Amino acid sequence: MSTKKRVLKILENNRGQSLSGQKIAEEVQLSRTAIWKAIKTLKEEGHQIESVPKSGYTLLEKSDVLNTESIQGLLNKSLPSLTIHTYPTIDSTNNEAKKKLNEKIKQDTLILSEEQTEGKGRLGRVFVSPASTGLYMSLILHDVPAEKILH
């Protein structure tokens, strides 16, 4: 996992709370400079992170960038093996799911995107899915009984 993702996971797990750069650095076992660079990149990606000297970094409650770490934190803990892939834009989550299945993946997988450029509905009809209007997803489940999905 990249430094940026590790830092984001820590911030997500402590959303709304201030964490010192030193504390984050100790947790990921990297320098405070590496943490600062990761925070800078996360801010550039649109994450709303407040930086207060001598206080630390806070991922604001209103920060709303689609990312694997935030989705994972919201899932039921009974789904620890679910692999999540997030994309700001993708041709189609179904196309990505088909690619993953062709790669013979064995784990249950959730594919999420904020925009699809070639979304398809039933019978191959065009499915309009522009940015900032919804959340588009495909789910791959292996060996899950229908009763478990329906309840």
N, C-alpha and C. Protein backbone atom coordinates (compact mmCIF):
# COMPACT_ATOMS: atom_id res chain seq x y z
N MET A 1 0.85 -1.17 0.00
CA MET A 1 0.00 0.00 0.00
C MET A 1 0.90 1.24 0.00
N SER A 2 0.56 2.21 -0.81
CA SER A 2 1.36 3.42 -0.92
C SER A 2 1.28 4.27 0.35
N THR A 3 2.26 5.16 0.50
CA THR A 3 2.27 6.07 1.65
C THR A 3 0.98 6.89 1.68
N LYS A 4 0.58 7.40 0.53
CA LYS A 4 -0.63 8.23 0.44
C LYS A 4 -1.85 7.44 0.93
N LYS A 5 -1.98 6.20 0.50
CA LYS A 5 -3.13 5.38 0.92
C LYS A 5 -3.07 5.05 2.40
N ARG A 6 -1.88 4.80 2.90
CA ARG A 6 -1.73 4.51 4.33
C ARG A 6 -2.12 5.72 5.18
N VAL A 7 -1.68 6.91 4.74
CA VAL A 7 -2.01 8.15 5.46
C VAL A 7 -3.52 8.39 5.39
N LEU A 8 -4.10 8.21 4.21
CA LEU A 8 -5.54 8.42 4.05
C LEU A 8 -6.33 7.45 4.93
N LYS A 9 -5.90 6.22 5.02
CA LYS A 9 -6.58 5.25 5.87
C LYS A 9 -6.58 5.70 7.34
N ILE A 10 -5.46 6.20 7.80
CA ILE A 10 -5.36 6.70 9.18
C ILE A 10 -6.30 7.90 9.37
N LEU A 11 -6.28 8.82 8.42
CA LEU A 11 -7.16 9.99 8.51
C LEU A 11 -8.63 9.59 8.47
N GLU A 12 -8.97 8.64 7.59
CA GLU A 12 -10.36 8.16 7.51
C GLU A 12 -10.80 7.52 8.82
N ASN A 13 -9.92 6.75 9.42
CA ASN A 13 -10.25 6.08 10.68
C ASN A 13 -10.38 7.06 11.84
N ASN A 14 -9.89 8.29 11.63
CA ASN A 14 -9.94 9.33 12.67
C ASN A 14 -10.60 10.60 12.12
N ARG A 15 -11.53 10.43 11.20
CA ARG A 15 -12.18 11.56 10.52
C ARG A 15 -12.71 12.55 11.55
N GLY A 16 -12.41 13.83 11.32
CA GLY A 16 -12.87 14.89 12.20
C GLY A 16 -11.97 15.13 13.40
N GLN A 17 -10.96 14.30 13.58
CA GLN A 17 -10.04 14.45 14.70
C GLN A 17 -8.68 14.91 14.20
N SER A 18 -8.02 15.73 14.97
CA SER A 18 -6.70 16.22 14.62
C SER A 18 -5.64 15.20 15.00
N LEU A 19 -4.75 14.90 14.07
CA LEU A 19 -3.64 13.99 14.31
C LEU A 19 -2.34 14.70 13.96
N SER A 20 -1.38 14.62 14.84
CA SER A 20 -0.10 15.27 14.56
C SER A 20 0.63 14.52 13.44
N GLY A 21 1.43 15.27 12.70
CA GLY A 21 2.26 14.67 11.66
C GLY A 21 3.19 13.63 12.26
N GLN A 22 3.67 13.90 13.46
CA GLN A 22 4.57 12.96 14.14
C GLN A 22 3.86 11.65 14.45
N LYS A 23 2.62 11.73 14.93
CA LYS A 23 1.86 10.52 15.26
C LYS A 23 1.62 9.69 14.00
N ILE A 24 1.23 10.35 12.92
CA ILE A 24 1.00 9.63 11.66
C ILE A 24 2.31 9.01 11.18
N ALA A 25 3.40 9.78 11.25
CA ALA A 25 4.71 9.29 10.81
C ALA A 25 5.12 8.05 11.60
N GLU A 26 4.89 8.08 12.90
CA GLU A 26 5.24 6.91 13.73
C GLU A 26 4.40 5.70 13.35
N GLU A 27 3.13 5.94 13.06
CA GLU A 27 2.23 4.83 12.74
C GLU A 27 2.60 4.16 11.41
N VAL A 28 3.01 4.97 10.43
CA VAL A 28 3.38 4.39 9.13
C VAL A 28 4.88 4.15 9.01
N GLN A 29 5.61 4.53 10.04
CA GLN A 29 7.06 4.35 10.12
C GLN A 29 7.79 5.03 8.95
N LEU A 30 7.43 6.31 8.76
CA LEU A 30 8.08 7.13 7.75
C LEU A 30 8.36 8.51 8.35
N SER A 31 9.06 9.34 7.60
CA SER A 31 9.41 10.68 8.09
C SER A 31 8.20 11.61 8.03
N ARG A 32 8.26 12.68 8.80
CA ARG A 32 7.21 13.68 8.75
C ARG A 32 7.18 14.35 7.38
N THR A 33 8.32 14.43 6.72
CA THR A 33 8.36 15.01 5.37
C THR A 33 7.55 14.14 4.41
N ALA A 34 7.68 12.83 4.53
CA ALA A 34 6.91 11.91 3.68
C ALA A 34 5.41 12.08 3.95
N ILE A 35 5.05 12.30 5.20
CA ILE A 35 3.65 12.51 5.57
C ILE A 35 3.15 13.81 4.96
N TRP A 36 3.96 14.86 5.08
CA TRP A 36 3.59 16.16 4.51
C TRP A 36 3.35 16.03 3.01
N LYS A 37 4.22 15.31 2.30
CA LYS A 37 4.06 15.13 0.85
C LYS A 37 2.78 14.36 0.54
N ALA A 38 2.48 13.33 1.32
CA ALA A 38 1.26 12.55 1.11
C ALA A 38 0.02 13.43 1.33
N ILE A 39 0.05 14.24 2.39
CA ILE A 39 -1.06 15.15 2.69
C ILE A 39 -1.25 16.13 1.54
N LYS A 40 -0.15 16.67 1.05
CA LYS A 40 -0.20 17.63 -0.07
C LYS A 40 -0.86 17.00 -1.29
N THR A 41 -0.49 15.77 -1.61
CA THR A 41 -1.08 15.06 -2.75
C THR A 41 -2.56 14.80 -2.52
N LEU A 42 -2.92 14.39 -1.31
CA LEU A 42 -4.33 14.14 -1.01
C LEU A 42 -5.16 15.41 -1.16
N LYS A 43 -4.61 16.53 -0.71
CA LYS A 43 -5.32 17.81 -0.88
C LYS A 43 -5.50 18.14 -2.36
N GLU A 44 -4.46 17.90 -3.16
CA GLU A 44 -4.54 18.16 -4.60
C GLU A 44 -5.61 17.29 -5.26
N GLU A 45 -5.86 16.11 -4.70
CA GLU A 45 -6.88 15.21 -5.24
C GLU A 45 -8.29 15.60 -4.79
N GLY A 46 -8.39 16.61 -3.92
CA GLY A 46 -9.69 17.11 -3.50
C GLY A 46 -10.10 16.76 -2.08
N HIS A 47 -9.28 16.02 -1.36
CA HIS A 47 -9.61 15.70 0.03
C HIS A 47 -9.53 16.98 0.85
N GLN A 48 -10.50 17.20 1.69
CA GLN A 48 -10.52 18.41 2.52
C GLN A 48 -9.82 18.09 3.83
N ILE A 49 -8.56 18.47 3.88
CA ILE A 49 -7.72 18.22 5.05
C ILE A 49 -7.27 19.56 5.60
N GLU A 50 -7.57 19.76 6.84
CA GLU A 50 -7.16 21.00 7.51
C GLU A 50 -5.79 20.77 8.16
N SER A 51 -4.87 21.70 7.94
CA SER A 51 -3.55 21.63 8.54
C SER A 51 -3.41 22.79 9.51
N VAL A 52 -3.18 22.46 10.78
CA VAL A 52 -3.02 23.49 11.79
C VAL A 52 -1.66 23.29 12.46
N PRO A 53 -0.78 24.32 12.36
CA PRO A 53 0.54 24.18 12.99
C PRO A 53 0.42 23.82 14.47
N LYS A 54 1.26 22.93 14.92
CA LYS A 54 1.34 22.45 16.31
C LYS A 54 0.09 21.70 16.76
N SER A 55 -0.81 21.42 15.83
CA SER A 55 -2.01 20.66 16.16
C SER A 55 -2.08 19.41 15.30
N GLY A 56 -1.90 19.59 13.99
CA GLY A 56 -1.86 18.43 13.11
C GLY A 56 -2.80 18.54 11.93
N TYR A 57 -3.18 17.37 11.44
CA TYR A 57 -4.00 17.27 10.24
C TYR A 57 -5.35 16.69 10.61
N THR A 58 -6.40 17.24 10.00
CA THR A 58 -7.75 16.75 10.24
C THR A 58 -8.43 16.54 8.90
N LEU A 59 -8.92 15.32 8.66
CA LEU A 59 -9.76 15.07 7.51
C LEU A 59 -11.15 15.53 7.89
N LEU A 60 -11.63 16.57 7.23
CA LEU A 60 -12.90 17.18 7.60
C LEU A 60 -14.07 16.24 7.32
N GLU A 61 -15.09 16.34 8.15
CA GLU A 61 -16.29 15.51 8.00
C GLU A 61 -16.90 15.68 6.62
N LYS A 62 -16.85 16.88 6.07
CA LYS A 62 -17.49 17.15 4.79
C LYS A 62 -16.65 16.70 3.59
N SER A 63 -15.44 16.21 3.82
CA SER A 63 -14.61 15.72 2.73
C SER A 63 -15.30 14.55 2.07
N ASP A 64 -15.46 14.62 0.75
CA ASP A 64 -16.31 13.65 0.06
C ASP A 64 -15.68 13.15 -1.24
N VAL A 65 -14.45 12.70 -1.18
CA VAL A 65 -13.78 12.17 -2.36
C VAL A 65 -13.90 10.64 -2.32
N LEU A 66 -14.40 10.07 -3.40
CA LEU A 66 -14.54 8.62 -3.46
C LEU A 66 -13.18 7.96 -3.36
N ASN A 67 -13.02 7.07 -2.38
CA ASN A 67 -11.76 6.35 -2.23
C ASN A 67 -12.00 5.05 -1.51
N THR A 68 -11.14 4.11 -1.77
CA THR A 68 -11.26 2.77 -1.21
C THR A 68 -11.27 2.79 0.32
N GLU A 69 -10.43 3.61 0.92
CA GLU A 69 -10.30 3.64 2.37
C GLU A 69 -11.60 4.07 3.05
N SER A 70 -12.28 5.06 2.51
CA SER A 70 -13.53 5.50 3.13
C SER A 70 -14.63 4.47 2.95
N ILE A 71 -14.70 3.85 1.79
CA ILE A 71 -15.72 2.83 1.54
C ILE A 71 -15.48 1.63 2.46
N GLN A 72 -14.23 1.19 2.56
CA GLN A 72 -13.90 0.04 3.41
C GLN A 72 -14.31 0.31 4.86
N GLY A 73 -14.12 1.53 5.32
CA GLY A 73 -14.47 1.87 6.69
C GLY A 73 -15.97 1.84 6.95
N LEU A 74 -16.78 1.97 5.91
CA LEU A 74 -18.23 1.97 6.06
C LEU A 74 -18.86 0.59 5.92
N LEU A 75 -18.10 -0.35 5.40
CA LEU A 75 -18.65 -1.69 5.16
C LEU A 75 -18.81 -2.49 6.43
N ASN A 76 -19.74 -3.38 6.39
CA ASN A 76 -19.95 -4.33 7.47
C ASN A 76 -18.66 -5.13 7.64
N LYS A 77 -18.23 -5.28 8.86
CA LYS A 77 -16.96 -5.99 9.13
C LYS A 77 -17.02 -7.46 8.76
N SER A 78 -18.21 -7.97 8.41
CA SER A 78 -18.32 -9.37 7.99
C SER A 78 -17.88 -9.55 6.54
N LEU A 79 -17.48 -8.46 5.89
CA LEU A 79 -17.00 -8.52 4.50
C LEU A 79 -15.52 -8.18 4.39
N PRO A 80 -14.67 -8.74 5.24
CA PRO A 80 -13.26 -8.33 5.22
C PRO A 80 -12.53 -8.71 3.94
N SER A 81 -13.06 -9.70 3.21
CA SER A 81 -12.34 -10.14 2.01
C SER A 81 -12.77 -9.39 0.75
N LEU A 82 -13.69 -8.43 0.87
CA LEU A 82 -14.16 -7.69 -0.29
C LEU A 82 -13.06 -6.74 -0.76
N THR A 83 -12.66 -6.89 -2.01
CA THR A 83 -11.67 -6.01 -2.62
C THR A 83 -12.42 -4.85 -3.27
N ILE A 84 -11.95 -3.63 -3.03
CA ILE A 84 -12.63 -2.45 -3.56
C ILE A 84 -11.70 -1.70 -4.50
N HIS A 85 -12.24 -1.34 -5.65
CA HIS A 85 -11.51 -0.50 -6.61
C HIS A 85 -12.37 0.73 -6.87
N THR A 86 -11.78 1.92 -6.71
CA THR A 86 -12.52 3.16 -6.97
C THR A 86 -11.83 3.94 -8.09
N TYR A 87 -12.66 4.59 -8.89
CA TYR A 87 -12.17 5.37 -10.02
C TYR A 87 -12.96 6.68 -10.10
N PRO A 88 -12.30 7.80 -10.34
CA PRO A 88 -13.07 9.03 -10.55
C PRO A 88 -13.88 8.91 -11.86
N THR A 89 -13.25 8.31 -12.89
CA THR A 89 -13.88 8.10 -14.19
C THR A 89 -13.45 6.74 -14.73
N ILE A 90 -14.39 6.06 -15.36
CA ILE A 90 -14.10 4.75 -15.95
C ILE A 90 -15.00 4.59 -17.17
N ASP A 91 -14.61 3.76 -18.11
CA ASP A 91 -15.50 3.56 -19.25
C ASP A 91 -16.81 2.92 -18.78
N SER A 92 -16.72 1.83 -18.04
CA SER A 92 -17.90 1.17 -17.51
C SER A 92 -17.48 0.26 -16.36
N THR A 93 -18.19 0.31 -15.26
CA THR A 93 -17.85 -0.58 -14.14
C THR A 93 -18.09 -2.04 -14.55
N ASN A 94 -19.09 -2.28 -15.40
CA ASN A 94 -19.33 -3.64 -15.88
C ASN A 94 -18.18 -4.14 -16.75
N ASN A 95 -17.64 -3.26 -17.61
CA ASN A 95 -16.48 -3.66 -18.42
C ASN A 95 -15.31 -4.03 -17.52
N GLU A 96 -15.10 -3.23 -16.47
CA GLU A 96 -14.00 -3.51 -15.54
C GLU A 96 -14.24 -4.83 -14.80
N ALA A 97 -15.49 -5.09 -14.43
CA ALA A 97 -15.82 -6.36 -13.77
C ALA A 97 -15.53 -7.54 -14.71
N LYS A 98 -15.88 -7.39 -15.96
CA LYS A 98 -15.61 -8.46 -16.94
C LYS A 98 -14.12 -8.69 -17.09
N LYS A 99 -13.33 -7.61 -17.11
CA LYS A 99 -11.86 -7.75 -17.19
C LYS A 99 -11.34 -8.52 -15.98
N LYS A 100 -11.84 -8.15 -14.80
CA LYS A 100 -11.39 -8.83 -13.57
C LYS A 100 -11.75 -10.32 -13.62
N LEU A 101 -12.95 -10.63 -14.10
CA LEU A 101 -13.35 -12.04 -14.20
C LEU A 101 -12.50 -12.79 -15.21
N ASN A 102 -12.13 -12.11 -16.31
CA ASN A 102 -11.24 -12.74 -17.30
C ASN A 102 -9.85 -13.00 -16.73
N GLU A 103 -9.47 -12.19 -15.74
CA GLU A 103 -8.18 -12.39 -15.06
C GLU A 103 -8.29 -13.49 -14.01
N LYS A 104 -9.47 -14.10 -13.90
CA LYS A 104 -9.73 -15.22 -12.98
C LYS A 104 -9.54 -14.83 -11.51
N ILE A 105 -9.98 -13.61 -11.17
CA ILE A 105 -9.88 -13.21 -9.76
C ILE A 105 -10.75 -14.14 -8.92
N LYS A 106 -10.34 -14.38 -7.71
CA LYS A 106 -11.05 -15.29 -6.82
C LYS A 106 -11.79 -14.56 -5.70
N GLN A 107 -11.42 -13.30 -5.44
CA GLN A 107 -12.01 -12.57 -4.34
C GLN A 107 -13.25 -11.79 -4.78
N ASP A 108 -14.17 -11.61 -3.84
CA ASP A 108 -15.34 -10.77 -4.10
C ASP A 108 -14.83 -9.34 -4.31
N THR A 109 -15.40 -8.64 -5.29
CA THR A 109 -14.85 -7.35 -5.70
C THR A 109 -15.97 -6.34 -5.95
N LEU A 110 -15.77 -5.13 -5.46
CA LEU A 110 -16.67 -4.02 -5.70
C LEU A 110 -15.93 -2.97 -6.52
N ILE A 111 -16.53 -2.56 -7.62
CA ILE A 111 -15.94 -1.56 -8.52
C ILE A 111 -16.86 -0.34 -8.50
N LEU A 112 -16.29 0.81 -8.11
CA LEU A 112 -17.07 2.04 -7.97
C LEU A 112 -16.47 3.16 -8.80
N SER A 113 -17.33 4.01 -9.33
CA SER A 113 -16.85 5.18 -10.07
C SER A 113 -17.85 6.32 -9.92
N GLU A 114 -17.33 7.53 -10.02
CA GLU A 114 -18.19 8.72 -9.98
C GLU A 114 -18.70 9.08 -11.37
N GLU A 115 -18.10 8.49 -12.41
CA GLU A 115 -18.51 8.78 -13.78
C GLU A 115 -18.20 7.58 -14.66
N GLN A 116 -19.11 7.28 -15.58
CA GLN A 116 -18.86 6.27 -16.61
C GLN A 116 -18.97 6.95 -17.96
N THR A 117 -18.02 6.71 -18.83
CA THR A 117 -18.05 7.33 -20.14
C THR A 117 -18.74 6.45 -21.18
N GLU A 118 -18.89 5.16 -20.87
CA GLU A 118 -19.54 4.23 -21.79
C GLU A 118 -20.47 3.28 -21.04
N GLY A 119 -21.21 3.83 -20.07
CA GLY A 119 -22.12 2.99 -19.29
C GLY A 119 -23.19 2.36 -20.18
N LYS A 120 -23.60 1.15 -19.79
CA LYS A 120 -24.63 0.44 -20.55
C LYS A 120 -25.73 -0.01 -19.60
N GLY A 121 -26.96 0.13 -20.06
CA GLY A 121 -28.10 -0.35 -19.30
C GLY A 121 -28.54 -1.70 -19.83
N ARG A 122 -29.77 -2.05 -19.54
CA ARG A 122 -30.31 -3.33 -20.02
C ARG A 122 -30.34 -3.37 -21.54
N LEU A 123 -30.14 -4.53 -22.07
CA LEU A 123 -30.18 -4.76 -23.52
C LEU A 123 -29.15 -3.91 -24.28
N GLY A 124 -28.07 -3.50 -23.60
CA GLY A 124 -27.01 -2.75 -24.24
C GLY A 124 -27.33 -1.29 -24.51
N ARG A 125 -28.44 -0.81 -23.94
CA ARG A 125 -28.80 0.60 -24.14
C ARG A 125 -27.80 1.50 -23.45
N VAL A 126 -27.64 2.70 -24.01
CA VAL A 126 -26.72 3.68 -23.41
C VAL A 126 -27.24 4.07 -22.03
N PHE A 127 -26.32 4.10 -21.06
CA PHE A 127 -26.66 4.49 -19.70
C PHE A 127 -25.87 5.74 -19.39
N VAL A 128 -26.55 6.86 -19.27
CA VAL A 128 -25.88 8.13 -19.02
C VAL A 128 -25.48 8.20 -17.56
N SER A 129 -24.20 8.43 -17.31
CA SER A 129 -23.70 8.48 -15.93
C SER A 129 -22.61 9.53 -15.81
N PRO A 130 -23.01 10.81 -15.89
CA PRO A 130 -22.04 11.90 -15.83
C PRO A 130 -21.46 12.11 -14.43
N ALA A 131 -20.35 12.80 -14.37
CA ALA A 131 -19.68 13.08 -13.10
C ALA A 131 -20.57 13.90 -12.18
N SER A 132 -20.40 13.68 -10.88
CA SER A 132 -21.07 14.45 -9.83
C SER A 132 -22.59 14.30 -9.81
N THR A 133 -23.11 13.22 -10.39
CA THR A 133 -24.56 13.02 -10.37
C THR A 133 -24.96 11.69 -9.74
N GLY A 134 -24.00 10.85 -9.45
CA GLY A 134 -24.33 9.55 -8.87
C GLY A 134 -23.08 8.76 -8.55
N LEU A 135 -23.33 7.55 -8.11
CA LEU A 135 -22.25 6.61 -7.82
C LEU A 135 -22.59 5.35 -8.59
N TYR A 136 -21.67 4.89 -9.41
CA TYR A 136 -21.93 3.77 -10.31
C TYR A 136 -21.06 2.60 -9.87
N MET A 137 -21.65 1.41 -9.85
CA MET A 137 -20.90 0.28 -9.32
C MET A 137 -21.29 -1.03 -9.95
N SER A 138 -20.35 -1.96 -9.86
CA SER A 138 -20.57 -3.37 -10.22
C SER A 138 -19.96 -4.19 -9.10
N LEU A 139 -20.60 -5.32 -8.82
CA LEU A 139 -20.18 -6.17 -7.72
C LEU A 139 -19.98 -7.59 -8.23
N ILE A 140 -18.82 -8.15 -7.92
CA ILE A 140 -18.52 -9.54 -8.27
C ILE A 140 -18.57 -10.35 -6.97
N LEU A 141 -19.44 -11.34 -6.95
CA LEU A 141 -19.54 -12.22 -5.79
C LEU A 141 -19.29 -13.65 -6.23
N HIS A 142 -18.48 -14.36 -5.47
CA HIS A 142 -18.19 -15.76 -5.74
C HIS A 142 -18.83 -16.62 -4.67
N ASP A 143 -19.51 -17.64 -5.09
CA ASP A 143 -20.05 -18.64 -4.16
C ASP A 143 -20.84 -18.05 -3.00
N VAL A 144 -21.74 -17.12 -3.31
CA VAL A 144 -22.59 -16.54 -2.27
C VAL A 144 -24.02 -17.01 -2.52
N PRO A 145 -24.62 -17.72 -1.56
CA PRO A 145 -25.99 -18.18 -1.75
C PRO A 145 -26.96 -17.01 -1.87
N ALA A 146 -27.98 -17.15 -2.72
CA ALA A 146 -28.95 -16.08 -2.94
C ALA A 146 -29.59 -15.62 -1.64
N GLU A 147 -29.83 -16.53 -0.70
CA GLU A 147 -30.47 -16.16 0.56
C GLU A 147 -29.63 -15.14 1.32
N LYS A 148 -28.33 -15.25 1.21
CA LYS A 148 -27.44 -14.34 1.93
C LYS A 148 -27.49 -12.93 1.31
N ILE A 149 -27.68 -12.85 0.02
CA ILE A 149 -27.74 -11.56 -0.67
C ILE A 149 -29.08 -10.88 -0.40
N LEU A 150 -30.13 -11.66 -0.39
CA LEU A 150 -31.49 -11.10 -0.28
C LEU A 150 -31.87 -10.71 1.15
N HIS A 151 -31.11 -11.12 2.13
CA HIS A 151 -31.47 -10.79 3.52
C HIS A 151 -30.47 -9.89 4.15
